[in-house]
């Protein structure tokens, strides 16, 4: 049975809003992840092969990525690029 929040019940109303604000994170494809990271899909496949990037395997072969996993990776990747020695 679902308990409905009454207008005068602030805690129940607040918890109802919390549930409504939660969003499901949809996994990204290799192409979407590449675009998000600013690299080619081939680079993403190489990172997956070398286990350098957090990823998910769906149905055995399909590779997917969560944006929440890629955010720290992207920050680290950009930092490494900025700190790389120039010729």
PDB file of N, CA and C in Angstrom:
ATOM      1  N   UNK A   1       0.834  -1.172   0.000  1.00  0.00           N
ATOM      2  CA  UNK A   1       0.000   0.000   0.000  1.00  0.00           C
ATOM      3  C   UNK A   1       0.887   1.246   0.000  1.00  0.00           C
ATOM      4  N   UNK A   2       0.565   2.211  -0.822  1.00  0.00           N
ATOM      5  CA  UNK A   2       1.333   3.445  -0.933  1.00  0.00           C
ATOM      6  C   UNK A   2       0.732   4.481  -0.018  1.00  0.00           C
ATOM      7  N   UNK A   3       1.593   5.080   0.794  1.00  0.00           N
ATOM      8  CA  UNK A   3       1.138   6.128   1.701  1.00  0.00           C
ATOM      9  C   UNK A   3       1.268   7.472   0.995  1.00  0.00           C
ATOM     10  N   UNK A   4       0.205   8.177   0.855  1.00  0.00           N
ATOM     11  CA  UNK A   4       0.207   9.497   0.226  1.00  0.00           C
ATOM     12  C   UNK A   4       0.553  10.551   1.263  1.00  0.00           C
ATOM     13  N   UNK A   5       1.352  11.516   0.841  1.00  0.00           N
ATOM     14  CA  UNK A   5       1.739  12.591   1.750  1.00  0.00           C
ATOM     15  C   UNK A   5       0.597  13.581   1.891  1.00  0.00           C
ATOM     16  N   UNK A   6       0.352  13.972   3.123  1.00  0.00           N
ATOM     17  CA  UNK A   6      -0.639  15.009   3.389  1.00  0.00           C
ATOM     18  C   UNK A   6       0.052  16.360   3.297  1.00  0.00           C
ATOM     19  N   UNK A   7      -0.641  17.395   2.889  1.00  0.00           N
ATOM     20  CA  UNK A   7      -0.028  18.720   2.780  1.00  0.00           C
ATOM     21  C   UNK A   7       0.614  19.201   4.065  1.00  0.00           C
ATOM     22  N   UNK A   8       0.068  18.807   5.231  1.00  0.00           N
ATOM     23  CA  UNK A   8       0.635  19.269   6.495  1.00  0.00           C
ATOM     24  C   UNK A   8       1.747  18.358   7.005  1.00  0.00           C
ATOM     25  N   UNK A   9       2.007  17.270   6.337  1.00  0.00           N
ATOM     26  CA  UNK A   9       3.057  16.334   6.748  1.00  0.00           C
ATOM     27  C   UNK A   9       4.319  16.627   5.943  1.00  0.00           C
ATOM     28  N   UNK A  10       5.158  17.550   6.437  1.00  0.00           N
ATOM     29  CA  UNK A  10       6.327  18.018   5.682  1.00  0.00           C
ATOM     30  C   UNK A  10       7.361  16.929   5.447  1.00  0.00           C
ATOM     31  N   UNK A  11       7.598  16.070   6.418  1.00  0.00           N
ATOM     32  CA  UNK A  11       8.625  15.035   6.248  1.00  0.00           C
ATOM     33  C   UNK A  11       8.227  14.037   5.161  1.00  0.00           C
ATOM     34  N   UNK A  12       6.964  13.664   5.126  1.00  0.00           N
ATOM     35  CA  UNK A  12       6.492  12.737   4.092  1.00  0.00           C
ATOM     36  C   UNK A  12       6.555  13.407   2.726  1.00  0.00           C
ATOM     37  N   UNK A  13       6.202  14.682   2.661  1.00  0.00           N
ATOM     38  CA  UNK A  13       6.264  15.406   1.393  1.00  0.00           C
ATOM     39  C   UNK A  13       7.706  15.524   0.920  1.00  0.00           C
ATOM     40  N   UNK A  14       8.629  15.773   1.840  1.00  0.00           N
ATOM     41  CA  UNK A  14      10.046  15.888   1.484  1.00  0.00           C
ATOM     42  C   UNK A  14      10.573  14.556   0.963  1.00  0.00           C
ATOM     43  N   UNK A  15      10.197  13.448   1.599  1.00  0.00           N
ATOM     44  CA  UNK A  15      10.676  12.148   1.133  1.00  0.00           C
ATOM     45  C   UNK A  15      10.073  11.803  -0.219  1.00  0.00           C
ATOM     46  N   UNK A  16       8.839  12.218  -0.464  1.00  0.00           N
ATOM     47  CA  UNK A  16       8.215  11.992  -1.763  1.00  0.00           C
ATOM     48  C   UNK A  16       8.959  12.762  -2.846  1.00  0.00           C
ATOM     49  N   UNK A  17       9.362  13.997  -2.548  1.00  0.00           N
ATOM     50  CA  UNK A  17      10.139  14.779  -3.507  1.00  0.00           C
ATOM     51  C   UNK A  17      11.488  14.139  -3.764  1.00  0.00           C
ATOM     52  N   UNK A  18      12.134  13.586  -2.726  1.00  0.00           N
ATOM     53  CA  UNK A  18      13.417  12.920  -2.904  1.00  0.00           C
ATOM     54  C   UNK A  18      13.293  11.759  -3.878  1.00  0.00           C
ATOM     55  N   UNK A  19      12.244  10.995  -3.775  1.00  0.00           N
ATOM     56  CA  UNK A  19      12.035   9.849  -4.667  1.00  0.00           C
ATOM     57  C   UNK A  19      11.824  10.344  -6.093  1.00  0.00           C
ATOM     58  N   UNK A  20      11.073  11.428  -6.265  1.00  0.00           N
ATOM     59  CA  UNK A  20      10.802  11.933  -7.602  1.00  0.00           C
ATOM     60  C   UNK A  20      12.045  12.535  -8.235  1.00  0.00           C
ATOM     61  N   UNK A  21      12.967  13.075  -7.440  1.00  0.00           N
ATOM     62  CA  UNK A  21      14.174  13.699  -7.979  1.00  0.00           C
ATOM     63  C   UNK A  21      15.238  12.688  -8.391  1.00  0.00           C
ATOM     64  N   UNK A  22      15.133  11.455  -7.929  1.00  0.00           N
ATOM     65  CA  UNK A  22      16.125  10.446  -8.290  1.00  0.00           C
ATOM     66  C   UNK A  22      15.938  10.078  -9.754  1.00  0.00           C
ATOM     67  N   UNK A  23      17.039  10.087 -10.475  1.00  0.00           N
ATOM     68  CA  UNK A  23      16.982   9.770 -11.900  1.00  0.00           C
ATOM     69  C   UNK A  23      17.808   8.522 -12.165  1.00  0.00           C
ATOM     70  N   UNK A  24      17.360   7.749 -13.107  1.00  0.00           N
ATOM     71  CA  UNK A  24      18.081   6.552 -13.498  1.00  0.00           C
ATOM     72  C   UNK A  24      19.146   6.958 -14.511  1.00  0.00           C
ATOM     73  N   UNK A  25      20.372   6.505 -14.262  1.00  0.00           N
ATOM     74  CA  UNK A  25      21.476   6.815 -15.172  1.00  0.00           C
ATOM     75  C   UNK A  25      21.523   5.751 -16.268  1.00  0.00           C
ATOM     76  N   UNK A  26      21.347   6.188 -17.498  1.00  0.00           N
ATOM     77  CA  UNK A  26      21.386   5.258 -18.621  1.00  0.00           C
ATOM     78  C   UNK A  26      22.826   5.082 -19.094  1.00  0.00           C
ATOM     79  N   UNK A  27      23.233   3.854 -19.368  1.00  0.00           N
ATOM     80  CA  UNK A  27      24.597   3.625 -19.848  1.00  0.00           C
ATOM     81  C   UNK A  27      24.829   4.243 -21.227  1.00  0.00           C
ATOM     82  N   UNK A  28      26.060   4.678 -21.468  1.00  0.00           N
ATOM     83  CA  UNK A  28      26.436   5.273 -22.749  1.00  0.00           C
ATOM     84  C   UNK A  28      27.114   4.225 -23.625  1.00  0.00           C
ATOM     85  N   UNK A  29      26.977   4.386 -24.923  1.00  0.00           N
ATOM     86  CA  UNK A  29      27.658   3.517 -25.881  1.00  0.00           C
ATOM     87  C   UNK A  29      29.110   3.971 -26.021  1.00  0.00           C
ATOM     88  N   UNK A  30      29.891   3.212 -26.770  1.00  0.00           N
ATOM     89  CA  UNK A  30      31.289   3.568 -27.022  1.00  0.00           C
ATOM     90  C   UNK A  30      31.358   4.922 -27.722  1.00  0.00           C
ATOM     91  N   UNK A  31      30.506   5.125 -28.709  1.00  0.00           N
ATOM     92  CA  UNK A  31      30.518   6.382 -29.467  1.00  0.00           C
ATOM     93  C   UNK A  31      30.160   7.566 -28.573  1.00  0.00           C
ATOM     94  N   UNK A  32      29.173   7.398 -27.711  1.00  0.00           N
ATOM     95  CA  UNK A  32      28.771   8.470 -26.798  1.00  0.00           C
ATOM     96  C   UNK A  32      29.878   8.764 -25.791  1.00  0.00           C
ATOM     97  N   UNK A  33      30.510   7.711 -25.276  1.00  0.00           N
ATOM     98  CA  UNK A  33      31.607   7.896 -24.329  1.00  0.00           C
ATOM     99  C   UNK A  33      32.784   8.594 -25.001  1.00  0.00           C
ATOM    100  N   UNK A  34      33.078   8.231 -26.240  1.00  0.00           N
ATOM    101  CA  UNK A  34      34.177   8.865 -26.976  1.00  0.00           C
ATOM    102  C   UNK A  34      33.905  10.356 -27.151  1.00  0.00           C
ATOM    103  N   UNK A  35      32.687  10.683 -27.516  1.00  0.00           N
ATOM    104  CA  UNK A  35      32.309  12.091 -27.682  1.00  0.00           C
ATOM    105  C   UNK A  35      32.418  12.834 -26.352  1.00  0.00           C
ATOM    106  N   UNK A  36      31.971  12.208 -25.267  1.00  0.00           N
ATOM    107  CA  UNK A  36      32.028  12.801 -23.939  1.00  0.00           C
ATOM    108  C   UNK A  36      33.473  13.046 -23.503  1.00  0.00           C
ATOM    109  N   UNK A  37      34.369  12.117 -23.852  1.00  0.00           N
ATOM    110  CA  UNK A  37      35.776  12.225 -23.456  1.00  0.00           C
ATOM    111  C   UNK A  37      36.612  13.033 -24.441  1.00  0.00           C
ATOM    112  N   UNK A  38      36.086  13.267 -25.622  1.00  0.00           N
ATOM    113  CA  UNK A  38      36.825  14.033 -26.623  1.00  0.00           C
ATOM    114  C   UNK A  38      37.914  13.232 -27.319  1.00  0.00           C
ATOM    115  N   UNK A  39      37.661  11.942 -27.475  1.00  0.00           N
ATOM    116  CA  UNK A  39      38.613  11.063 -28.162  1.00  0.00           C
ATOM    117  C   UNK A  39      37.853  10.246 -29.206  1.00  0.00           C
ATOM    118  N   UNK A  40      38.581   9.459 -29.982  1.00  0.00           N
ATOM    119  CA  UNK A  40      37.941   8.619 -30.990  1.00  0.00           C
ATOM    120  C   UNK A  40      37.398   7.335 -30.353  1.00  0.00           C
ATOM    121  N   UNK A  41      36.407   6.722 -31.002  1.00  0.00           N
ATOM    122  CA  UNK A  41      35.929   5.431 -30.503  1.00  0.00           C
ATOM    123  C   UNK A  41      37.040   4.376 -30.452  1.00  0.00           C
ATOM    124  N   UNK A  42      37.985   4.437 -31.389  1.00  0.00           N
ATOM    125  CA  UNK A  42      39.102   3.479 -31.383  1.00  0.00           C
ATOM    126  C   UNK A  42      39.931   3.619 -30.102  1.00  0.00           C
ATOM    127  N   UNK A  43      40.109   4.856 -29.635  1.00  0.00           N
ATOM    128  CA  UNK A  43      40.850   5.079 -28.386  1.00  0.00           C
ATOM    129  C   UNK A  43      40.097   4.476 -27.216  1.00  0.00           C
ATOM    130  N   UNK A  44      38.783   4.641 -27.203  1.00  0.00           N
ATOM    131  CA  UNK A  44      37.978   4.068 -26.119  1.00  0.00           C
ATOM    132  C   UNK A  44      38.091   2.546 -26.132  1.00  0.00           C
ATOM    133  N   UNK A  45      38.002   1.933 -27.318  1.00  0.00           N
ATOM    134  CA  UNK A  45      38.168   0.475 -27.410  1.00  0.00           C
ATOM    135  C   UNK A  45      39.544   0.048 -26.896  1.00  0.00           C
ATOM    136  N   UNK A  46      40.574   0.804 -27.210  1.00  0.00           N
ATOM    137  CA  UNK A  46      41.925   0.487 -26.744  1.00  0.00           C
ATOM    138  C   UNK A  46      42.000   0.575 -25.223  1.00  0.00           C
ATOM    139  N   UNK A  47      41.415   1.618 -24.640  1.00  0.00           N
ATOM    140  CA  UNK A  47      41.408   1.757 -23.177  1.00  0.00           C
ATOM    141  C   UNK A  47      40.646   0.613 -22.515  1.00  0.00           C
ATOM    142  N   UNK A  48      39.540   0.170 -23.141  1.00  0.00           N
ATOM    143  CA  UNK A  48      38.785  -0.956 -22.597  1.00  0.00           C
ATOM    144  C   UNK A  48      39.639  -2.213 -22.643  1.00  0.00           C
ATOM    145  N   UNK A  49      40.298  -2.442 -23.779  1.00  0.00           N
ATOM    146  CA  UNK A  49      41.148  -3.629 -23.939  1.00  0.00           C
ATOM    147  C   UNK A  49      42.257  -3.655 -22.901  1.00  0.00           C
ATOM    148  N   UNK A  50      42.830  -2.484 -22.610  1.00  0.00           N
ATOM    149  CA  UNK A  50      43.925  -2.379 -21.630  1.00  0.00           C
ATOM    150  C   UNK A  50      43.426  -2.180 -20.204  1.00  0.00           C
ATOM    151  N   UNK A  51      42.109  -2.203 -20.033  1.00  0.00           N
ATOM    152  CA  UNK A  51      41.468  -2.052 -18.723  1.00  0.00           C
ATOM    153  C   UNK A  51      41.864  -0.751 -18.039  1.00  0.00           C
ATOM    154  N   UNK A  52      41.916   0.333 -18.817  1.00  0.00           N
ATOM    155  CA  UNK A  52      42.280   1.645 -18.282  1.00  0.00           C
ATOM    156  C   UNK A  52      41.062   2.502 -17.982  1.00  0.00           C
ATOM    157  N   UNK A  53      39.893   2.100 -18.482  1.00  0.00           N
ATOM    158  CA  UNK A  53      38.688   2.910 -18.336  1.00  0.00           C
ATOM    159  C   UNK A  53      37.582   2.060 -17.707  1.00  0.00           C
ATOM    160  N   UNK A  54      36.833   2.634 -16.756  1.00  0.00           N
ATOM    161  CA  UNK A  54      35.736   1.857 -16.156  1.00  0.00           C
ATOM    162  C   UNK A  54      34.624   1.618 -17.176  1.00  0.00           C
ATOM    163  N   UNK A  55      34.205   0.365 -17.286  1.00  0.00           N
ATOM    164  CA  UNK A  55      33.188   0.021 -18.276  1.00  0.00           C
ATOM    165  C   UNK A  55      32.357  -1.161 -17.803  1.00  0.00           C
ATOM    166  N   UNK A  56      31.274  -1.398 -18.505  1.00  0.00           N
ATOM    167  CA  UNK A  56      30.380  -2.518 -18.230  1.00  0.00           C
ATOM    168  C   UNK A  56      30.277  -3.374 -19.481  1.00  0.00           C
ATOM    169  N   UNK A  57      30.131  -4.660 -19.281  1.00  0.00           N
ATOM    170  CA  UNK A  57      29.877  -5.572 -20.409  1.00  0.00           C
ATOM    171  C   UNK A  57      28.418  -6.002 -20.323  1.00  0.00           C
ATOM    172  N   UNK A  58      27.705  -5.792 -21.414  1.00  0.00           N
ATOM    173  CA  UNK A  58      26.298  -6.162 -21.474  1.00  0.00           C
ATOM    174  C   UNK A  58      26.149  -7.289 -22.483  1.00  0.00           C
ATOM    175  N   UNK A  59      25.536  -8.357 -22.069  1.00  0.00           N
ATOM    176  CA  UNK A  59      25.314  -9.512 -22.940  1.00  0.00           C
ATOM    177  C   UNK A  59      26.628 -10.035 -23.520  1.00  0.00           C
ATOM    178  N   UNK A  60      27.687  -9.966 -22.738  1.00  0.00           N
ATOM    179  CA  UNK A  60      28.960 -10.536 -23.161  1.00  0.00           C
ATOM    180  C   UNK A  60      29.859  -9.643 -23.974  1.00  0.00           C
ATOM    181  N   UNK A  61      29.345  -9.041 -25.045  1.00  0.00           N
ATOM    182  CA  UNK A  61      30.216  -8.291 -25.951  1.00  0.00           C
ATOM    183  C   UNK A  61      29.966  -6.784 -25.964  1.00  0.00           C
ATOM    184  N   UNK A  62      28.757  -6.359 -25.710  1.00  0.00           N
ATOM    185  CA  UNK A  62      28.440  -4.942 -25.771  1.00  0.00           C
ATOM    186  C   UNK A  62      29.082  -4.198 -24.604  1.00  0.00           C
ATOM    187  N   UNK A  63      29.733  -3.098 -24.914  1.00  0.00           N
ATOM    188  CA  UNK A  63      30.429  -2.304 -23.910  1.00  0.00           C
ATOM    189  C   UNK A  63      29.605  -1.050 -23.638  1.00  0.00           C
ATOM    190  N   UNK A  64      29.403  -0.755 -22.355  1.00  0.00           N
ATOM    191  CA  UNK A  64      28.661   0.430 -21.957  1.00  0.00           C
ATOM    192  C   UNK A  64      29.429   1.149 -20.843  1.00  0.00           C
ATOM    193  N   UNK A  65      29.118   2.436 -20.676  1.00  0.00           N
ATOM    194  CA  UNK A  65      29.805   3.275 -19.697  1.00  0.00           C
ATOM    195  C   UNK A  65      28.776   4.076 -18.918  1.00  0.00           C
ATOM    196  N   UNK A  66      29.051   4.296 -17.635  1.00  0.00           N
ATOM    197  CA  UNK A  66      28.219   5.164 -16.825  1.00  0.00           C
ATOM    198  C   UNK A  66      28.906   6.520 -16.721  1.00  0.00           C
ATOM    199  N   UNK A  67      28.143   7.567 -16.912  1.00  0.00           N
ATOM    200  CA  UNK A  67      28.705   8.915 -16.858  1.00  0.00           C
ATOM    201  C   UNK A  67      29.348   9.173 -15.491  1.00  0.00           C
ATOM    202  N   UNK A  68      28.731   8.665 -14.432  1.00  0.00           N
ATOM    203  CA  UNK A  68      29.282   8.864 -13.094  1.00  0.00           C
ATOM    204  C   UNK A  68      30.653   8.202 -12.937  1.00  0.00           C
ATOM    205  N   UNK A  69      30.919   7.139 -13.693  1.00  0.00           N
ATOM    206  CA  UNK A  69      32.244   6.502 -13.684  1.00  0.00           C
ATOM    207  C   UNK A  69      33.230   7.261 -14.560  1.00  0.00           C
ATOM    208  N   UNK A  70      32.719   7.858 -15.633  1.00  0.00           N
ATOM    209  CA  UNK A  70      33.605   8.544 -16.574  1.00  0.00           C
ATOM    210  C   UNK A  70      34.030   9.939 -16.115  1.00  0.00           C
ATOM    211  N   UNK A  71      33.246  10.583 -15.256  1.00  0.00           N
ATOM    212  CA  UNK A  71      33.607  11.930 -14.797  1.00  0.00           C
ATOM    213  C   UNK A  71      34.981  11.970 -14.127  1.00  0.00           C
ATOM    214  N   UNK A  72      35.272  11.099 -13.132  1.00  0.00           N
ATOM    215  CA  UNK A  72      36.619  11.120 -12.538  1.00  0.00           C
ATOM    216  C   UNK A  72      37.698  10.708 -13.536  1.00  0.00           C
ATOM    217  N   UNK A  73      37.373   9.753 -14.409  1.00  0.00           N
ATOM    218  CA  UNK A  73      38.338   9.329 -15.419  1.00  0.00           C
ATOM    219  C   UNK A  73      38.683  10.482 -16.348  1.00  0.00           C
ATOM    220  N   UNK A  74      37.654  11.222 -16.773  1.00  0.00           N
ATOM    221  CA  UNK A  74      37.877  12.357 -17.669  1.00  0.00           C
ATOM    222  C   UNK A  74      38.708  13.436 -16.988  1.00  0.00           C
ATOM    223  N   UNK A  75      38.442  13.695 -15.727  1.00  0.00           N
ATOM    224  CA  UNK A  75      39.223  14.702 -14.985  1.00  0.00           C
ATOM    225  C   UNK A  75      40.687  14.280 -14.898  1.00  0.00           C
ATOM    226  N   UNK A  76      40.934  13.006 -14.617  1.00  0.00           N
ATOM    227  CA  UNK A  76      42.303  12.485 -14.536  1.00  0.00           C
ATOM    228  C   UNK A  76      42.966  12.525 -15.910  1.00  0.00           C
ATOM    229  N   UNK A  77      42.219  12.145 -16.939  1.00  0.00           N
ATOM    230  CA  UNK A  77      42.742  12.133 -18.303  1.00  0.00           C
ATOM    231  C   UNK A  77      43.143  13.541 -18.737  1.00  0.00           C
ATOM    232  N   UNK A  78      42.290  14.525 -18.489  1.00  0.00           N
ATOM    233  CA  UNK A  78      42.602  15.904 -18.866  1.00  0.00           C
ATOM    234  C   UNK A  78      43.787  16.445 -18.083  1.00  0.00           C
ATOM    235  N   UNK A  79      43.909  16.038 -16.817  1.00  0.00           N
ATOM    236  CA  UNK A  79      45.044  16.469 -16.016  1.00  0.00           C
ATOM    237  C   UNK A  79      46.346  15.894 -16.563  1.00  0.00           C
ATOM    238  N   UNK A  80      46.328  14.622 -16.981  1.00  0.00           N
ATOM    239  CA  UNK A  80      47.519  13.998 -17.554  1.00  0.00           C
ATOM    240  C   UNK A  80      47.912  14.687 -18.858  1.00  0.00           C
ATOM    241  N   UNK A  81      46.940  15.054 -19.669  1.00  0.00           N
ATOM    242  CA  UNK A  81      47.210  15.723 -20.930  1.00  0.00           C
ATOM    243  C   UNK A  81      47.830  17.100 -20.665  1.00  0.00           C
ATOM    244  N   UNK A  82      47.301  17.834 -19.694  1.00  0.00           N
ATOM    245  CA  UNK A  82      47.826  19.149 -19.373  1.00  0.00           C
ATOM    246  C   UNK A  82      49.243  19.082 -18.812  1.00  0.00           C
ATOM    247  N   UNK A  83      49.562  18.039 -18.075  1.00  0.00           N
ATOM    248  CA  UNK A  83      50.872  17.901 -17.441  1.00  0.00           C
ATOM    249  C   UNK A  83      51.899  17.175 -18.318  1.00  0.00           C
ATOM    250  N   UNK A  84      51.475  16.742 -19.490  1.00  0.00           N
ATOM    251  CA  UNK A  84      52.389  16.011 -20.384  1.00  0.00           C
ATOM    252  C   UNK A  84      53.503  16.957 -20.869  1.00  0.00           C
ATOM    253  N   UNK A  85      54.721  16.424 -20.961  1.00  0.00           N
ATOM    254  CA  UNK A  85      55.824  17.277 -21.457  1.00  0.00           C
ATOM    255  C   UNK A  85      55.632  17.620 -22.932  1.00  0.00           C
ATOM    256  N   UNK A  86      55.962  18.845 -23.269  1.00  0.00           N
ATOM    257  CA  UNK A  86      55.867  19.289 -24.658  1.00  0.00           C
ATOM    258  C   UNK A  86      57.250  19.333 -25.271  1.00  0.00           C
ATOM    259  N   UNK A  87      57.285  19.177 -26.554  1.00  0.00           N
ATOM    260  CA  UNK A  87      58.590  19.160 -27.240  1.00  0.00           C
ATOM    261  C   UNK A  87      58.985  20.537 -27.686  1.00  0.00           C
TER     262      UNK A  87
END
